[in-house]
Amino acid sequence: VLRRPDVFHAAAAGAGVTDQHLYD
């Protein structure tokens, strides 16, 4: 939804990694 709003008109997103430095 952030990068391709021309294709996707809505998003429901749970427990996603947004900053890859935060994962193991």
mmCIF file of all heavy atoms, coordinates in Angstrom:
data_MODEL
# 
_entry.id   MODEL 
# 
loop_
_atom_site.group_PDB 
_atom_site.id 
_atom_site.type_symbol 
_atom_site.label_atom_id 
_atom_site.label_alt_id 
_atom_site.label_comp_id 
_atom_site.label_asym_id 
_atom_site.label_entity_id 
_atom_site.label_seq_id 
_atom_site.pdbx_PDB_ins_code 
_atom_site.Cartn_x 
_atom_site.Cartn_y 
_atom_site.Cartn_z 
_atom_site.occupancy 
_atom_site.B_iso_or_equiv 
_atom_site.pdbx_formal_charge 
_atom_site.auth_seq_id 
_atom_site.auth_comp_id 
_atom_site.auth_asym_id 
_atom_site.auth_atom_id 
_atom_site.pdbx_PDB_model_num 
ATOM 1   N N   . VAL A 1 1  ? 0.819  -1.206  0.000   1.00 0.00 ? 1  VAL A N   1 
ATOM 2   C CA  . VAL A 1 1  ? 0.000  0.000   0.000   1.00 0.00 ? 1  VAL A CA  1 
ATOM 3   C C   . VAL A 1 1  ? 0.856  1.260   0.000   1.00 0.00 ? 1  VAL A C   1 
ATOM 4   O O   . VAL A 1 1  ? 0.428  2.317   -0.505  1.00 0.00 ? 1  VAL A O   1 
ATOM 5   C CB  . VAL A 1 1  ? -0.980 -0.037  1.191   1.00 0.00 ? 1  VAL A CB  1 
ATOM 6   C CG1 . VAL A 1 1  ? -0.296 0.334   2.489   1.00 0.00 ? 1  VAL A CG1 1 
ATOM 7   C CG2 . VAL A 1 1  ? -2.202 0.809   0.945   1.00 0.00 ? 1  VAL A CG2 1 
ATOM 8   N N   . LEU A 1 2  ? 2.081  1.164   0.533   1.00 0.00 ? 2  LEU A N   1 
ATOM 9   C CA  . LEU A 1 2  ? 2.971  2.330   0.555   1.00 0.00 ? 2  LEU A CA  1 
ATOM 10  C C   . LEU A 1 2  ? 3.654  2.547   -0.790  1.00 0.00 ? 2  LEU A C   1 
ATOM 11  O O   . LEU A 1 2  ? 3.802  3.694   -1.242  1.00 0.00 ? 2  LEU A O   1 
ATOM 12  C CB  . LEU A 1 2  ? 4.026  2.157   1.645   1.00 0.00 ? 2  LEU A CB  1 
ATOM 13  C CG  . LEU A 1 2  ? 3.549  2.263   3.092   1.00 0.00 ? 2  LEU A CG  1 
ATOM 14  C CD1 . LEU A 1 2  ? 4.642  1.791   4.053   1.00 0.00 ? 2  LEU A CD1 1 
ATOM 15  C CD2 . LEU A 1 2  ? 3.135  3.692   3.420   1.00 0.00 ? 2  LEU A CD2 1 
ATOM 16  N N   . ARG A 1 3  ? 4.048  1.460   -1.431  1.00 0.00 ? 3  ARG A N   1 
ATOM 17  C CA  . ARG A 1 3  ? 4.867  1.581   -2.636  1.00 0.00 ? 3  ARG A CA  1 
ATOM 18  C C   . ARG A 1 3  ? 4.082  1.441   -3.934  1.00 0.00 ? 3  ARG A C   1 
ATOM 19  O O   . ARG A 1 3  ? 4.539  1.917   -4.968  1.00 0.00 ? 3  ARG A O   1 
ATOM 20  C CB  . ARG A 1 3  ? 5.993  0.536   -2.597  1.00 0.00 ? 3  ARG A CB  1 
ATOM 21  C CG  . ARG A 1 3  ? 6.946  0.754   -1.423  1.00 0.00 ? 3  ARG A CG  1 
ATOM 22  C CD  . ARG A 1 3  ? 8.082  -0.248  -1.397  1.00 0.00 ? 3  ARG A CD  1 
ATOM 23  N NE  . ARG A 1 3  ? 9.020  0.070   -0.320  1.00 0.00 ? 3  ARG A NE  1 
ATOM 24  C CZ  . ARG A 1 3  ? 10.150 -0.586  -0.083  1.00 0.00 ? 3  ARG A CZ  1 
ATOM 25  N NH1 . ARG A 1 3  ? 10.480 -1.618  -0.844  1.00 0.00 ? 3  ARG A NH1 1 
ATOM 26  N NH2 . ARG A 1 3  ? 10.930 -0.227  0.912   1.00 0.00 ? 3  ARG A NH2 1 
ATOM 27  N N   . ARG A 1 4  ? 2.944  0.772   -3.893  1.00 0.00 ? 4  ARG A N   1 
ATOM 28  C CA  . ARG A 1 4  ? 2.169  0.594   -5.121  1.00 0.00 ? 4  ARG A CA  1 
ATOM 29  C C   . ARG A 1 4  ? 0.699  0.947   -4.908  1.00 0.00 ? 4  ARG A C   1 
ATOM 30  O O   . ARG A 1 4  ? -0.194 0.119   -5.078  1.00 0.00 ? 4  ARG A O   1 
ATOM 31  C CB  . ARG A 1 4  ? 2.309  -0.843  -5.618  1.00 0.00 ? 4  ARG A CB  1 
ATOM 32  C CG  . ARG A 1 4  ? 3.702  -1.223  -6.075  1.00 0.00 ? 4  ARG A CG  1 
ATOM 33  C CD  . ARG A 1 4  ? 4.236  -0.328  -7.212  1.00 0.00 ? 4  ARG A CD  1 
ATOM 34  N NE  . ARG A 1 4  ? 3.369  -0.330  -8.370  1.00 0.00 ? 4  ARG A NE  1 
ATOM 35  C CZ  . ARG A 1 4  ? 3.503  -1.182  -9.379  1.00 0.00 ? 4  ARG A CZ  1 
ATOM 36  N NH1 . ARG A 1 4  ? 4.471  -2.090  -9.354  1.00 0.00 ? 4  ARG A NH1 1 
ATOM 37  N NH2 . ARG A 1 4  ? 2.701  -1.116  -10.422 1.00 0.00 ? 4  ARG A NH2 1 
ATOM 38  N N   . PRO A 1 5  ? 0.428  2.200   -4.557  1.00 0.00 ? 5  PRO A N   1 
ATOM 39  C CA  . PRO A 1 5  ? -0.977 2.603   -4.389  1.00 0.00 ? 5  PRO A CA  1 
ATOM 40  C C   . PRO A 1 5  ? -1.747 2.594   -5.702  1.00 0.00 ? 5  PRO A C   1 
ATOM 41  O O   . PRO A 1 5  ? -2.986 2.659   -5.682  1.00 0.00 ? 5  PRO A O   1 
ATOM 42  C CB  . PRO A 1 5  ? -0.864 4.015   -3.808  1.00 0.00 ? 5  PRO A CB  1 
ATOM 43  C CG  . PRO A 1 5  ? 0.467  4.509   -4.276  1.00 0.00 ? 5  PRO A CG  1 
ATOM 44  C CD  . PRO A 1 5  ? 1.364  3.311   -4.288  1.00 0.00 ? 5  PRO A CD  1 
ATOM 45  N N   . ASP A 1 6  ? -1.034 2.504   -6.830  1.00 0.00 ? 6  ASP A N   1 
ATOM 46  C CA  . ASP A 1 6  ? -1.712 2.393   -8.116  1.00 0.00 ? 6  ASP A CA  1 
ATOM 47  C C   . ASP A 1 6  ? -2.393 1.036   -8.286  1.00 0.00 ? 6  ASP A C   1 
ATOM 48  O O   . ASP A 1 6  ? -3.325 0.897   -9.083  1.00 0.00 ? 6  ASP A O   1 
ATOM 49  C CB  . ASP A 1 6  ? -0.719 2.609   -9.256  1.00 0.00 ? 6  ASP A CB  1 
ATOM 50  C CG  . ASP A 1 6  ? 0.450  1.629   -9.205  1.00 0.00 ? 6  ASP A CG  1 
ATOM 51  O OD1 . ASP A 1 6  ? 0.994  1.414   -8.098  1.00 0.00 ? 6  ASP A OD1 1 
ATOM 52  O OD2 . ASP A 1 6  ? 0.838  1.096   -10.256 1.00 0.00 ? 6  ASP A OD2 1 
ATOM 53  N N   . VAL A 1 7  ? -1.931 0.048   -7.521  1.00 0.00 ? 7  VAL A N   1 
ATOM 54  C CA  . VAL A 1 7  ? -2.490 -1.303  -7.605  1.00 0.00 ? 7  VAL A CA  1 
ATOM 55  C C   . VAL A 1 7  ? -3.351 -1.626  -6.395  1.00 0.00 ? 7  VAL A C   1 
ATOM 56  O O   . VAL A 1 7  ? -4.450 -2.176  -6.530  1.00 0.00 ? 7  VAL A O   1 
ATOM 57  C CB  . VAL A 1 7  ? -1.358 -2.349  -7.733  1.00 0.00 ? 7  VAL A CB  1 
ATOM 58  C CG1 . VAL A 1 7  ? -1.928 -3.766  -7.722  1.00 0.00 ? 7  VAL A CG1 1 
ATOM 59  C CG2 . VAL A 1 7  ? -0.536 -2.103  -8.988  1.00 0.00 ? 7  VAL A CG2 1 
ATOM 60  N N   . PHE A 1 8  ? -2.865 -1.256  -5.203  1.00 0.00 ? 8  PHE A N   1 
ATOM 61  C CA  . PHE A 1 8  ? -3.528 -1.647  -3.960  1.00 0.00 ? 8  PHE A CA  1 
ATOM 62  C C   . PHE A 1 8  ? -4.253 -0.446  -3.360  1.00 0.00 ? 8  PHE A C   1 
ATOM 63  O O   . PHE A 1 8  ? -3.656 0.610   -3.156  1.00 0.00 ? 8  PHE A O   1 
ATOM 64  C CB  . PHE A 1 8  ? -2.500 -2.190  -2.969  1.00 0.00 ? 8  PHE A CB  1 
ATOM 65  C CG  . PHE A 1 8  ? -1.791 -3.423  -3.473  1.00 0.00 ? 8  PHE A CG  1 
ATOM 66  C CD1 . PHE A 1 8  ? -0.555 -3.321  -4.099  1.00 0.00 ? 8  PHE A CD1 1 
ATOM 67  C CD2 . PHE A 1 8  ? -2.375 -4.668  -3.344  1.00 0.00 ? 8  PHE A CD2 1 
ATOM 68  C CE1 . PHE A 1 8  ? 0.094  -4.448  -4.579  1.00 0.00 ? 8  PHE A CE1 1 
ATOM 69  C CE2 . PHE A 1 8  ? -1.735 -5.803  -3.818  1.00 0.00 ? 8  PHE A CE2 1 
ATOM 70  C CZ  . PHE A 1 8  ? -0.500 -5.698  -4.442  1.00 0.00 ? 8  PHE A CZ  1 
ATOM 71  N N   . HIS A 1 9  ? -5.526 -0.652  -3.051  1.00 0.00 ? 9  HIS A N   1 
ATOM 72  C CA  . HIS A 1 9  ? -6.365 0.445   -2.591  1.00 0.00 ? 9  HIS A CA  1 
ATOM 73  C C   . HIS A 1 9  ? -6.592 0.439   -1.086  1.00 0.00 ? 9  HIS A C   1 
ATOM 74  O O   . HIS A 1 9  ? -7.178 1.390   -0.549  1.00 0.00 ? 9  HIS A O   1 
ATOM 75  C CB  . HIS A 1 9  ? -7.707 0.398   -3.329  1.00 0.00 ? 9  HIS A CB  1 
ATOM 76  C CG  . HIS A 1 9  ? -7.545 0.368   -4.826  1.00 0.00 ? 9  HIS A CG  1 
ATOM 77  N ND1 . HIS A 1 9  ? -7.609 -0.794  -5.557  1.00 0.00 ? 9  HIS A ND1 1 
ATOM 78  C CD2 . HIS A 1 9  ? -7.280 1.358   -5.707  1.00 0.00 ? 9  HIS A CD2 1 
ATOM 79  C CE1 . HIS A 1 9  ? -7.409 -0.519  -6.841  1.00 0.00 ? 9  HIS A CE1 1 
ATOM 80  N NE2 . HIS A 1 9  ? -7.200 0.776   -6.963  1.00 0.00 ? 9  HIS A NE2 1 
ATOM 81  N N   . ALA A 1 10 ? -6.134 -0.606  -0.391  1.00 0.00 ? 10 ALA A N   1 
ATOM 82  C CA  . ALA A 1 10 ? -6.242 -0.675  1.068   1.00 0.00 ? 10 ALA A CA  1 
ATOM 83  C C   . ALA A 1 10 ? -5.394 -1.840  1.547   1.00 0.00 ? 10 ALA A C   1 
ATOM 84  O O   . ALA A 1 10 ? -5.126 -2.787  0.796   1.00 0.00 ? 10 ALA A O   1 
ATOM 85  C CB  . ALA A 1 10 ? -7.691 -0.858  1.513   1.00 0.00 ? 10 ALA A CB  1 
ATOM 86  N N   . ALA A 1 11 ? -4.976 -1.764  2.828   1.00 0.00 ? 11 ALA A N   1 
ATOM 87  C CA  . ALA A 1 11 ? -4.177 -2.845  3.404   1.00 0.00 ? 11 ALA A CA  1 
ATOM 88  C C   . ALA A 1 11 ? -4.481 -2.978  4.884   1.00 0.00 ? 11 ALA A C   1 
ATOM 89  O O   . ALA A 1 11 ? -4.617 -1.980  5.596   1.00 0.00 ? 11 ALA A O   1 
ATOM 90  C CB  . ALA A 1 11 ? -2.686 -2.592  3.196   1.00 0.00 ? 11 ALA A CB  1 
ATOM 91  N N   . ALA A 1 12 ? -4.583 -4.242  5.348   1.00 0.00 ? 12 ALA A N   1 
ATOM 92  C CA  . ALA A 1 12 ? -4.676 -4.563  6.771   1.00 0.00 ? 12 ALA A CA  1 
ATOM 93  C C   . ALA A 1 12 ? -3.422 -5.360  7.115   1.00 0.00 ? 12 ALA A C   1 
ATOM 94  O O   . ALA A 1 12 ? -3.245 -6.477  6.619   1.00 0.00 ? 12 ALA A O   1 
ATOM 95  C CB  . ALA A 1 12 ? -5.931 -5.371  7.070   1.00 0.00 ? 12 ALA A CB  1 
ATOM 96  N N   . ALA A 1 13 ? -2.547 -4.776  7.935   1.00 0.00 ? 13 ALA A N   1 
ATOM 97  C CA  . ALA A 1 13 ? -1.219 -5.334  8.162   1.00 0.00 ? 13 ALA A CA  1 
ATOM 98  C C   . ALA A 1 13 ? -0.985 -5.584  9.642   1.00 0.00 ? 13 ALA A C   1 
ATOM 99  O O   . ALA A 1 13 ? -1.116 -4.667  10.460  1.00 0.00 ? 13 ALA A O   1 
ATOM 100 C CB  . ALA A 1 13 ? -0.142 -4.386  7.607   1.00 0.00 ? 13 ALA A CB  1 
ATOM 101 N N   . GLY A 1 14 ? -0.618 -6.829  9.979   1.00 0.00 ? 14 GLY A N   1 
ATOM 102 C CA  . GLY A 1 14 ? -0.371 -7.179  11.367  1.00 0.00 ? 14 GLY A CA  1 
ATOM 103 C C   . GLY A 1 14 ? 1.037  -7.658  11.614  1.00 0.00 ? 14 GLY A C   1 
ATOM 104 O O   . GLY A 1 14 ? 1.591  -8.441  10.831  1.00 0.00 ? 14 GLY A O   1 
ATOM 105 N N   . ALA A 1 15 ? 1.650  -7.184  12.695  1.00 0.00 ? 15 ALA A N   1 
ATOM 106 C CA  . ALA A 1 15 ? 2.930  -7.687  13.208  1.00 0.00 ? 15 ALA A CA  1 
ATOM 107 C C   . ALA A 1 15 ? 4.017  -7.713  12.152  1.00 0.00 ? 15 ALA A C   1 
ATOM 108 O O   . ALA A 1 15 ? 4.789  -8.665  12.059  1.00 0.00 ? 15 ALA A O   1 
ATOM 109 C CB  . ALA A 1 15 ? 2.752  -9.070  13.820  1.00 0.00 ? 15 ALA A CB  1 
ATOM 110 N N   . GLY A 1 16 ? 4.104  -6.659  11.352  1.00 0.00 ? 16 GLY A N   1 
ATOM 111 C CA  . GLY A 1 16 ? 5.124  -6.604  10.316  1.00 0.00 ? 16 GLY A CA  1 
ATOM 112 C C   . GLY A 1 16 ? 6.416  -5.978  10.807  1.00 0.00 ? 16 GLY A C   1 
ATOM 113 O O   . GLY A 1 16 ? 6.422  -5.145  11.713  1.00 0.00 ? 16 GLY A O   1 
ATOM 114 N N   . VAL A 1 17 ? 7.534  -6.388  10.191  1.00 0.00 ? 17 VAL A N   1 
ATOM 115 C CA  . VAL A 1 17 ? 8.830  -5.769  10.456  1.00 0.00 ? 17 VAL A CA  1 
ATOM 116 C C   . VAL A 1 17 ? 8.957  -4.558  9.545   1.00 0.00 ? 17 VAL A C   1 
ATOM 117 O O   . VAL A 1 17 ? 8.941  -4.690  8.321   1.00 0.00 ? 17 VAL A O   1 
ATOM 118 C CB  . VAL A 1 17 ? 9.988  -6.757  10.206  1.00 0.00 ? 17 VAL A CB  1 
ATOM 119 C CG1 . VAL A 1 17 ? 11.326 -6.072  10.455  1.00 0.00 ? 17 VAL A CG1 1 
ATOM 120 C CG2 . VAL A 1 17 ? 9.852  -7.983  11.089  1.00 0.00 ? 17 VAL A CG2 1 
ATOM 121 N N   . THR A 1 18 ? 9.080  -3.389  10.122  1.00 0.00 ? 18 THR A N   1 
ATOM 122 C CA  . THR A 1 18 ? 9.190  -2.161  9.332   1.00 0.00 ? 18 THR A CA  1 
ATOM 123 C C   . THR A 1 18 ? 10.628 -1.657  9.246   1.00 0.00 ? 18 THR A C   1 
ATOM 124 O O   . THR A 1 18 ? 11.023 -1.072  8.252   1.00 0.00 ? 18 THR A O   1 
ATOM 125 C CB  . THR A 1 18 ? 8.312  -1.055  9.934   1.00 0.00 ? 18 THR A CB  1 
ATOM 126 O OG1 . THR A 1 18 ? 8.746  -0.779  11.270  1.00 0.00 ? 18 THR A OG1 1 
ATOM 127 C CG2 . THR A 1 18 ? 6.855  -1.486  9.971   1.00 0.00 ? 18 THR A CG2 1 
ATOM 128 N N   . ASP A 1 19 ? 11.409 -1.877  10.304  1.00 0.00 ? 19 ASP A N   1 
ATOM 129 C CA  . ASP A 1 19 ? 12.832 -1.544  10.328  1.00 0.00 ? 19 ASP A CA  1 
ATOM 130 C C   . ASP A 1 19 ? 13.588 -2.855  10.472  1.00 0.00 ? 19 ASP A C   1 
ATOM 131 O O   . ASP A 1 19 ? 13.524 -3.510  11.516  1.00 0.00 ? 19 ASP A O   1 
ATOM 132 C CB  . ASP A 1 19 ? 13.139 -0.611  11.507  1.00 0.00 ? 19 ASP A CB  1 
ATOM 133 C CG  . ASP A 1 19 ? 14.611 -0.222  11.583  1.00 0.00 ? 19 ASP A CG  1 
ATOM 134 O OD1 . ASP A 1 19 ? 15.443 -0.836  10.877  1.00 0.00 ? 19 ASP A OD1 1 
ATOM 135 O OD2 . ASP A 1 19 ? 14.945 0.683   12.368  1.00 0.00 ? 19 ASP A OD2 1 
ATOM 136 N N   . GLN A 1 20 ? 14.309 -3.259  9.417   1.00 0.00 ? 20 GLN A N   1 
ATOM 137 C CA  . GLN A 1 20 ? 14.916 -4.583  9.389   1.00 0.00 ? 20 GLN A CA  1 
ATOM 138 C C   . GLN A 1 20 ? 16.014 -4.758  10.434  1.00 0.00 ? 20 GLN A C   1 
ATOM 139 O O   . GLN A 1 20 ? 16.394 -5.889  10.756  1.00 0.00 ? 20 GLN A O   1 
ATOM 140 C CB  . GLN A 1 20 ? 15.472 -4.873  7.990   1.00 0.00 ? 20 GLN A CB  1 
ATOM 141 C CG  . GLN A 1 20 ? 14.450 -4.699  6.876   1.00 0.00 ? 20 GLN A CG  1 
ATOM 142 C CD  . GLN A 1 20 ? 13.173 -5.481  7.115   1.00 0.00 ? 20 GLN A CD  1 
ATOM 143 O OE1 . GLN A 1 20 ? 13.222 -6.666  7.431   1.00 0.00 ? 20 GLN A OE1 1 
ATOM 144 N NE2 . GLN A 1 20 ? 12.022 -4.821  6.976   1.00 0.00 ? 20 GLN A NE2 1 
ATOM 145 N N   . HIS A 1 21 ? 16.533 -3.653  10.987  1.00 0.00 ? 21 HIS A N   1 
ATOM 146 C CA  . HIS A 1 21 ? 17.522 -3.754  12.060  1.00 0.00 ? 21 HIS A CA  1 
ATOM 147 C C   . HIS A 1 21 ? 16.920 -4.317  13.348  1.00 0.00 ? 21 HIS A C   1 
ATOM 148 O O   . HIS A 1 21 ? 17.662 -4.743  14.238  1.00 0.00 ? 21 HIS A O   1 
ATOM 149 C CB  . HIS A 1 21 ? 18.129 -2.372  12.365  1.00 0.00 ? 21 HIS A CB  1 
ATOM 150 C CG  . HIS A 1 21 ? 18.890 -1.778  11.221  1.00 0.00 ? 21 HIS A CG  1 
ATOM 151 N ND1 . HIS A 1 21 ? 18.270 -1.060  10.222  1.00 0.00 ? 21 HIS A ND1 1 
ATOM 152 C CD2 . HIS A 1 21 ? 20.216 -1.790  10.917  1.00 0.00 ? 21 HIS A CD2 1 
ATOM 153 C CE1 . HIS A 1 21 ? 19.181 -0.648  9.347   1.00 0.00 ? 21 HIS A CE1 1 
ATOM 154 N NE2 . HIS A 1 21 ? 20.366 -1.084  9.743   1.00 0.00 ? 21 HIS A NE2 1 
ATOM 155 N N   . LEU A 1 22 ? 15.591 -4.331  13.446  1.00 0.00 ? 22 LEU A N   1 
ATOM 156 C CA  . LEU A 1 22 ? 14.942 -4.768  14.680  1.00 0.00 ? 22 LEU A CA  1 
ATOM 157 C C   . LEU A 1 22 ? 14.732 -6.272  14.755  1.00 0.00 ? 22 LEU A C   1 
ATOM 158 O O   . LEU A 1 22 ? 14.336 -6.783  15.798  1.00 0.00 ? 22 LEU A O   1 
ATOM 159 C CB  . LEU A 1 22 ? 13.591 -4.054  14.838  1.00 0.00 ? 22 LEU A CB  1 
ATOM 160 C CG  . LEU A 1 22 ? 13.632 -2.551  15.081  1.00 0.00 ? 22 LEU A CG  1 
ATOM 161 C CD1 . LEU A 1 22 ? 12.215 -1.981  15.101  1.00 0.00 ? 22 LEU A CD1 1 
ATOM 162 C CD2 . LEU A 1 22 ? 14.356 -2.227  16.378  1.00 0.00 ? 22 LEU A CD2 1 
ATOM 163 N N   . TYR A 1 23 ? 14.994 -6.984  13.633  1.00 0.00 ? 23 TYR A N   1 
ATOM 164 C CA  . TYR A 1 23 ? 14.761 -8.430  13.645  1.00 0.00 ? 23 TYR A CA  1 
ATOM 165 C C   . TYR A 1 23 ? 16.061 -9.169  13.933  1.00 0.00 ? 23 TYR A C   1 
ATOM 166 O O   . TYR A 1 23 ? 17.150 -8.605  13.911  1.00 0.00 ? 23 TYR A O   1 
ATOM 167 C CB  . TYR A 1 23 ? 14.145 -8.891  12.323  1.00 0.00 ? 23 TYR A CB  1 
ATOM 168 C CG  . TYR A 1 23 ? 13.307 -10.140 12.488  1.00 0.00 ? 23 TYR A CG  1 
ATOM 169 C CD1 . TYR A 1 23 ? 12.205 -10.147 13.326  1.00 0.00 ? 23 TYR A CD1 1 
ATOM 170 C CD2 . TYR A 1 23 ? 13.630 -11.311 11.810  1.00 0.00 ? 23 TYR A CD2 1 
ATOM 171 C CE1 . TYR A 1 23 ? 11.435 -11.295 13.492  1.00 0.00 ? 23 TYR A CE1 1 
ATOM 172 C CE2 . TYR A 1 23 ? 12.867 -12.459 11.962  1.00 0.00 ? 23 TYR A CE2 1 
ATOM 173 C CZ  . TYR A 1 23 ? 11.778 -12.444 12.809  1.00 0.00 ? 23 TYR A CZ  1 
ATOM 174 O OH  . TYR A 1 23 ? 11.023 -13.574 12.977  1.00 0.00 ? 23 TYR A OH  1 
ATOM 175 N N   . ASP A 1 24 ? 15.968 -10.499 14.175  1.00 0.00 ? 24 ASP A N   1 
ATOM 176 C CA  . ASP A 1 24 ? 17.117 -11.218 14.725  1.00 0.00 ? 24 ASP A CA  1 
ATOM 177 C C   . ASP A 1 24 ? 18.223 -11.452 13.700  1.00 0.00 ? 24 ASP A C   1 
ATOM 178 O O   . ASP A 1 24 ? 18.006 -11.442 12.487  1.00 0.00 ? 24 ASP A O   1 
ATOM 179 C CB  . ASP A 1 24 ? 16.673 -12.536 15.380  1.00 0.00 ? 24 ASP A CB  1 
ATOM 180 C CG  . ASP A 1 24 ? 16.423 -13.670 14.395  1.00 0.00 ? 24 ASP A CG  1 
ATOM 181 O OD1 . ASP A 1 24 ? 17.373 -14.143 13.777  1.00 0.00 ? 24 ASP A OD1 1 
ATOM 182 O OD2 . ASP A 1 24 ? 15.262 -14.100 14.274  1.00 0.00 ? 24 ASP A OD2 1 
# 
